[in-house]
Amino acid sequence: MATTSKMKPQPAQPKVATTLTGTMTSKHEITFFLPFAPIPSPRPQARVIGKFASFYMPKAYMDWKRAVADYVYQQVQHTPSELLEAPVEVTAEYIVTPPKTTKLSFPKPDLDNYEKSLLDALSMATTIWKDDTQVHQMLSSKRWAAEGEETGMSVRLIFGR
């Protein structure tokens, strides 16, 4: 299973444009682009060893999640500590590489599986929030990348109520 082609190495120039605006009583916003091909969250795999069953996520997915989390950790290190536990609104656009031929006008994997992958990676980064249960609103879309457009995930986070 050749899944390494889905992961992109970190670019030399950061693609993260991080902006914090407002005062501590208003909403704070962080906007960034993740230059990693979006992948949907897979189903857990199972194996039986002796009398015991264990469940795990596929290695390619875990590698992708770690790569995204490491990238976010390196680029977004200055989220104020009081925002780490604040409610968060997430807006995400998943820009997917189109296949050479398709009858679909949009990418096939379910949008909620893309959302789960992104939220899990942001949680793993530890610099965005304590837990993805803080996400109280989410607006997502998925689309094919235009010719010459980079695939990835455009993310906007708004902290506060």
C-alpha atoms as a PDB file:
ATOM      1  CA  MET A   1       0.000   0.000   0.000  1.00  0.00           C
ATOM      2  CA  ALA A   2       1.878   3.032  -1.253  1.00  0.00           C
ATOM      3  CA  THR A   3       0.450   5.860   0.811  1.00  0.00           C
ATOM      4  CA  THR A   4       3.619   7.850   1.280  1.00  0.00           C
ATOM      5  CA  SER A   5       2.863   9.789  -1.907  1.00  0.00           C
ATOM      6  CA  LYS A   6      -0.085  11.398  -0.107  1.00  0.00           C
ATOM      7  CA  MET A   7       2.179  13.050   2.460  1.00  0.00           C
ATOM      8  CA  LYS A   8       4.112  16.104   1.383  1.00  0.00           C
ATOM      9  CA  PRO A   9       7.366  17.174   3.014  1.00  0.00           C
ATOM     10  CA  GLN A  10       7.362  20.434   4.896  1.00  0.00           C
ATOM     11  CA  PRO A  11       7.909  23.369   2.565  1.00  0.00           C
ATOM     12  CA  ALA A  12      10.962  25.568   3.029  1.00  0.00           C
ATOM     13  CA  GLN A  13       8.826  28.687   3.502  1.00  0.00           C
ATOM     14  CA  PRO A  14       6.035  28.365   6.091  1.00  0.00           C
ATOM     15  CA  LYS A  15       2.566  28.396   4.547  1.00  0.00           C
ATOM     16  CA  VAL A  16       0.948  29.248   7.874  1.00  0.00           C
ATOM     17  CA  ALA A  17      -0.389  32.770   8.149  1.00  0.00           C
ATOM     18  CA  THR A  18      -1.241  33.116  11.802  1.00  0.00           C
ATOM     19  CA  THR A  19      -3.114  36.151  13.008  1.00  0.00           C
ATOM     20  CA  LEU A  20      -4.363  36.819  16.512  1.00  0.00           C
ATOM     21  CA  THR A  21      -6.719  39.765  16.729  1.00  0.00           C
ATOM     22  CA  GLY A  22      -8.819  41.472  19.383  1.00  0.00           C
ATOM     23  CA  THR A  23      -8.540  41.759  23.125  1.00  0.00           C
ATOM     24  CA  MET A  24      -8.916  39.099  25.776  1.00  0.00           C
ATOM     25  CA  THR A  25     -12.670  39.797  26.004  1.00  0.00           C
ATOM     26  CA  SER A  26     -13.259  39.456  22.259  1.00  0.00           C
ATOM     27  CA  LYS A  27     -12.808  36.600  19.842  1.00  0.00           C
ATOM     28  CA  HIS A  28      -9.340  35.584  18.690  1.00  0.00           C
ATOM     29  CA  GLU A  29      -8.721  34.181  15.240  1.00  0.00           C
ATOM     30  CA  ILE A  30      -6.023  31.957  13.741  1.00  0.00           C
ATOM     31  CA  THR A  31      -5.992  31.264   9.994  1.00  0.00           C
ATOM     32  CA  PHE A  32      -3.560  28.902   8.294  1.00  0.00           C
ATOM     33  CA  PHE A  33      -3.040  26.554   5.339  1.00  0.00           C
ATOM     34  CA  LEU A  34      -1.823  22.992   5.864  1.00  0.00           C
ATOM     35  CA  PRO A  35       0.071  21.789   2.755  1.00  0.00           C
ATOM     36  CA  PHE A  36      -0.822  18.118   3.276  1.00  0.00           C
ATOM     37  CA  ALA A  37      -3.181  16.175   1.021  1.00  0.00           C
ATOM     38  CA  PRO A  38      -6.348  15.669   3.101  1.00  0.00           C
ATOM     39  CA  ILE A  39      -7.124  12.075   3.983  1.00  0.00           C
ATOM     40  CA  PRO A  40     -10.309  10.760   5.572  1.00  0.00           C
ATOM     41  CA  SER A  41     -10.182   9.121   8.977  1.00  0.00           C
ATOM     42  CA  PRO A  42     -10.200   5.346   8.419  1.00  0.00           C
ATOM     43  CA  ARG A  43     -11.989   2.708  10.459  1.00  0.00           C
ATOM     44  CA  PRO A  44      -9.916   1.116  13.237  1.00  0.00           C
ATOM     45  CA  GLN A  45      -8.286  -2.196  12.335  1.00  0.00           C
ATOM     46  CA  ALA A  46      -8.426  -5.239  14.621  1.00  0.00           C
ATOM     47  CA  ARG A  47      -6.129  -8.166  15.307  1.00  0.00           C
ATOM     48  CA  VAL A  48      -6.341 -11.123  17.662  1.00  0.00           C
ATOM     49  CA  ILE A  49      -3.314 -12.218  19.647  1.00  0.00           C
ATOM     50  CA  GLY A  50      -4.097 -15.326  21.654  1.00  0.00           C
ATOM     51  CA  LYS A  51      -7.405 -14.695  23.407  1.00  0.00           C
ATOM     52  CA  PHE A  52      -7.190 -10.920  23.171  1.00  0.00           C
ATOM     53  CA  ALA A  53      -8.302  -8.571  20.440  1.00  0.00           C
ATOM     54  CA  SER A  54      -6.589  -5.247  19.971  1.00  0.00           C
ATOM     55  CA  PHE A  55      -7.620  -2.333  17.812  1.00  0.00           C
ATOM     56  CA  TYR A  56      -5.367   0.138  16.053  1.00  0.00           C
ATOM     57  CA  MET A  57      -5.429   2.778  13.353  1.00  0.00           C
ATOM     58  CA  PRO A  58      -3.534   2.121  10.083  1.00  0.00           C
ATOM     59  CA  LYS A  59       0.111   3.215  10.114  1.00  0.00           C
ATOM     60  CA  ALA A  60      -0.249   5.492   7.056  1.00  0.00           C
ATOM     61  CA  TYR A  61      -3.019   7.430   8.816  1.00  0.00           C
ATOM     62  CA  MET A  62      -1.047   7.755  12.054  1.00  0.00           C
ATOM     63  CA  ASP A  63       2.027   8.934  10.104  1.00  0.00           C
ATOM     64  CA  TRP A  64      -0.101  11.559   8.308  1.00  0.00           C
ATOM     65  CA  LYS A  65      -1.648  12.728  11.567  1.00  0.00           C
ATOM     66  CA  ARG A  66       1.794  13.039  13.219  1.00  0.00           C
ATOM     67  CA  ALA A  67       3.192  14.973  10.234  1.00  0.00           C
ATOM     68  CA  VAL A  68       0.274  17.446  10.294  1.00  0.00           C
ATOM     69  CA  ALA A  69       0.481  17.793  14.096  1.00  0.00           C
ATOM     70  CA  ASP A  70       4.248  18.415  13.968  1.00  0.00           C
ATOM     71  CA  TYR A  71       3.784  21.049  11.263  1.00  0.00           C
ATOM     72  CA  VAL A  72       1.066  22.835  13.253  1.00  0.00           C
ATOM     73  CA  TYR A  73       3.159  22.639  16.435  1.00  0.00           C
ATOM     74  CA  GLN A  74       6.141  24.250  14.681  1.00  0.00           C
ATOM     75  CA  GLN A  75       4.083  26.995  13.038  1.00  0.00           C
ATOM     76  CA  VAL A  76       1.449  27.876  15.651  1.00  0.00           C
ATOM     77  CA  GLN A  77       3.275  27.997  18.971  1.00  0.00           C
ATOM     78  CA  HIS A  78       1.870  31.200  20.390  1.00  0.00           C
ATOM     79  CA  THR A  79      -1.796  30.480  21.122  1.00  0.00           C
ATOM     80  CA  PRO A  80      -2.380  32.323  24.423  1.00  0.00           C
ATOM     81  CA  SER A  81      -2.805  29.847  27.283  1.00  0.00           C
ATOM     82  CA  GLU A  82      -6.238  31.222  28.211  1.00  0.00           C
ATOM     83  CA  LEU A  83      -7.465  30.288  24.725  1.00  0.00           C
ATOM     84  CA  LEU A  84      -6.358  26.653  24.979  1.00  0.00           C
ATOM     85  CA  GLU A  85      -9.569  25.874  26.891  1.00  0.00           C
ATOM     86  CA  ALA A  86     -11.893  28.331  25.102  1.00  0.00           C
ATOM     87  CA  PRO A  87     -14.732  27.240  22.825  1.00  0.00           C
ATOM     88  CA  VAL A  88     -13.668  27.166  19.169  1.00  0.00           C
ATOM     89  CA  GLU A  89     -15.437  27.688  15.849  1.00  0.00           C
ATOM     90  CA  VAL A  90     -13.700  25.845  12.996  1.00  0.00           C
ATOM     91  CA  THR A  91     -13.994  26.615   9.301  1.00  0.00           C
ATOM     92  CA  ALA A  92     -12.138  24.180   7.045  1.00  0.00           C
ATOM     93  CA  GLU A  93     -11.818  23.711   3.305  1.00  0.00           C
ATOM     94  CA  TYR A  94     -10.339  20.442   2.049  1.00  0.00           C
ATOM     95  CA  ILE A  95      -8.662  20.854  -1.335  1.00  0.00           C
ATOM     96  CA  VAL A  96      -8.226  17.397  -2.864  1.00  0.00           C
ATOM     97  CA  THR A  97      -6.205  16.266  -5.894  1.00  0.00           C
ATOM     98  CA  PRO A  98      -8.667  15.275  -8.618  1.00  0.00           C
ATOM     99  CA  PRO A  99      -8.268  11.868 -10.266  1.00  0.00           C
ATOM    100  CA  LYS A 100      -7.419  11.753 -13.978  1.00  0.00           C
ATOM    101  CA  THR A 101     -11.014  10.791 -14.761  1.00  0.00           C
ATOM    102  CA  THR A 102     -14.124  10.979 -12.608  1.00  0.00           C
ATOM    103  CA  LYS A 103     -17.857  11.376 -12.955  1.00  0.00           C
ATOM    104  CA  LEU A 104     -18.056  13.076  -9.574  1.00  0.00           C
ATOM    105  CA  SER A 105     -18.099  16.850  -9.225  1.00  0.00           C
ATOM    106  CA  PHE A 106     -16.706  16.589  -5.667  1.00  0.00           C
ATOM    107  CA  PRO A 107     -14.327  14.271  -3.744  1.00  0.00           C
ATOM    108  CA  LYS A 108     -15.874  10.957  -2.688  1.00  0.00           C
ATOM    109  CA  PRO A 109     -14.818  10.390   0.956  1.00  0.00           C
ATOM    110  CA  ASP A 110     -17.401  11.626   3.464  1.00  0.00           C
ATOM    111  CA  LEU A 111     -16.794  15.150   4.712  1.00  0.00           C
ATOM    112  CA  ASP A 112     -17.119  14.082   8.354  1.00  0.00           C
ATOM    113  CA  ASN A 113     -14.159  11.712   7.922  1.00  0.00           C
ATOM    114  CA  TYR A 114     -11.994  14.588   6.659  1.00  0.00           C
ATOM    115  CA  GLU A 115     -13.165  16.633   9.662  1.00  0.00           C
ATOM    116  CA  LYS A 116     -12.224  13.897  12.131  1.00  0.00           C
ATOM    117  CA  SER A 117      -8.729  13.579  10.646  1.00  0.00           C
ATOM    118  CA  LEU A 118      -8.132  17.328  10.876  1.00  0.00           C
ATOM    119  CA  LEU A 119      -9.502  17.686  14.417  1.00  0.00           C
ATOM    120  CA  ASP A 120      -7.473  14.704  15.641  1.00  0.00           C
ATOM    121  CA  ALA A 121      -4.280  16.135  14.104  1.00  0.00           C
ATOM    122  CA  LEU A 122      -4.921  19.573  15.646  1.00  0.00           C
ATOM    123  CA  SER A 123      -5.518  17.918  19.032  1.00  0.00           C
ATOM    124  CA  MET A 124      -2.262  15.985  18.676  1.00  0.00           C
ATOM    125  CA  ALA A 125      -0.403  19.266  18.021  1.00  0.00           C
ATOM    126  CA  THR A 126      -1.261  20.457  21.596  1.00  0.00           C
ATOM    127  CA  THR A 127      -0.857  24.142  20.626  1.00  0.00           C
ATOM    128  CA  ILE A 128      -4.404  24.803  19.403  1.00  0.00           C
ATOM    129  CA  TRP A 129      -6.674  23.457  22.154  1.00  0.00           C
ATOM    130  CA  LYS A 130      -6.743  20.995  25.039  1.00  0.00           C
ATOM    131  CA  ASP A 131      -9.295  18.737  23.326  1.00  0.00           C
ATOM    132  CA  ASP A 132     -11.428  18.813  20.193  1.00  0.00           C
ATOM    133  CA  THR A 133     -14.545  18.686  22.381  1.00  0.00           C
ATOM    134  CA  GLN A 134     -14.060  22.476  22.592  1.00  0.00           C
ATOM    135  CA  VAL A 135     -15.212  22.751  18.966  1.00  0.00           C
ATOM    136  CA  HIS A 136     -18.767  24.025  19.280  1.00  0.00           C
ATOM    137  CA  GLN A 137     -19.319  24.960  15.640  1.00  0.00           C
ATOM    138  CA  MET A 138     -17.836  23.623  12.419  1.00  0.00           C
ATOM    139  CA  LEU A 139     -18.277  24.688   8.811  1.00  0.00           C
ATOM    140  CA  SER A 140     -16.547  22.475   6.258  1.00  0.00           C
ATOM    141  CA  SER A 141     -16.362  22.025   2.519  1.00  0.00           C
ATOM    142  CA  LYS A 142     -14.440  19.777   0.145  1.00  0.00           C
ATOM    143  CA  ARG A 143     -13.555  20.338  -3.483  1.00  0.00           C
ATOM    144  CA  TRP A 144     -11.212  19.298  -6.223  1.00  0.00           C
ATOM    145  CA  ALA A 145      -8.044  21.372  -6.560  1.00  0.00           C
ATOM    146  CA  ALA A 146      -7.997  23.623  -9.615  1.00  0.00           C
ATOM    147  CA  GLU A 147      -5.275  23.025 -12.173  1.00  0.00           C
ATOM    148  CA  GLY A 148      -1.958  24.125 -10.658  1.00  0.00           C
ATOM    149  CA  GLU A 149      -3.496  24.687  -7.200  1.00  0.00           C
ATOM    150  CA  GLU A 150      -1.825  23.111  -4.191  1.00  0.00           C
ATOM    151  CA  THR A 151      -3.792  20.463  -2.319  1.00  0.00           C
ATOM    152  CA  GLY A 152      -4.196  20.837   1.411  1.00  0.00           C
ATOM    153  CA  MET A 153      -6.473  22.205   4.097  1.00  0.00           C
ATOM    154  CA  SER A 154      -7.381  25.830   4.639  1.00  0.00           C
ATOM    155  CA  VAL A 155      -8.306  26.309   8.300  1.00  0.00           C
ATOM    156  CA  ARG A 156      -9.787  29.208  10.276  1.00  0.00           C
ATOM    157  CA  LEU A 157     -10.209  28.981  14.045  1.00  0.00           C
ATOM    158  CA  ILE A 158     -12.164  31.533  16.073  1.00  0.00           C
ATOM    159  CA  PHE A 159     -11.734  31.289  19.841  1.00  0.00           C
ATOM    160  CA  GLY A 160     -14.293  32.581  22.321  1.00  0.00           C
ATOM    161  CA  ARG A 161     -18.077  32.749  22.490  1.00  0.00           C
END
